[in-house]
């Protein structure tokens, strides 16, 4: 009886333009003749030729002894990426799960290098470096994600970039998925299901690793599902976890950024946490020496008056609300000059 070692999990909604390139990259994997693969797809009520294209591929895959399993959402209404991933996983039987978006393509060694690492780390989400297509799109994000150290993969989890290993490169033992109750969130369009799963995985004491190899061509295009998620939604999810995991343990802290982002962060805190903010710090001479005195519309008065000081005079720990890689290295130099330890003396929330 055929027992797949790796199930390739692909959620699809109207993917007819991408199926050929995606599947060609799968059959060109270096492990095709070495380990048993299967492809598990959820077609989430597509209205294009997705289903017929999949059936055409079923015949090609059969010749290579790669089963294709397809779950069809026949409701007529797409139910979202989280739903599609869960359904695809449910019909799969592989010991390991390799997540793949239909608009991306694998590099030939992807499954081999991630499988070897996942075998040695069965409680880990294993990610990989990626090549952005087109190359000049999302340059800051790509530099950040591809150059995080192994320690930063667990530390820089509160930035607006999302999970420190991008979802289309995830590879893991099936138990990693089973250990997250309910799997991926199925609240539909606009839900960052990958971030929610990632946080739940960390809460389960799961590991996060990344291969040094580039494993994926990660496609940027206007119809990508990531554009359906509002930044404020992601902000609230990040803030909630930061409060529960970090801020509740700090008796006081400094917010690094007296501008728009720092003030937005301050206003989003409850009264107890606002009272723990000793200062906002900055480098802008026009702000330093002033005070931030937000008006409370409910109580119709100014509740707190927070001093704005130079960053060199501020006392850690810091919540840093400054975007990385935006000042030609000046901010990074300032941070390094304080000789602080990330995760203990400061948290990046940008």
Foldseek 3Di string as FASTA:
>chain_A
DDAAAEEEEEEDAQLPVQQVQAVVLVCLAPCLVPGAYEYFYEYQLHPDCVVVVVVVVQVVVVVSVYHYHYHYDPPNDGQADQVGRVVSVVVDRHQKYQYAYSNKHWHRHQCVVQVVVQVVAQLEWEFEQAQEVVNPPPVVLNCQLLDDDQVVQVFQQQELSHRSGDPNRTMHGVVLQVQQPPGFDRNGQQDPRVRVSVVSSVVVVGGYHYDNDHTMHHYDDPVDSVVRHDSVNSNVVSLVVCVVPPLVPDQAFEEEDPDDQSVVSLVPDDPNSVVRHQAYEYQDPVQAPAWDFDADPVVRGTDDTHHYHHPVPGAFQYAYRDDPPPPVCPVVVVVVVVVDDRPPGYGYND
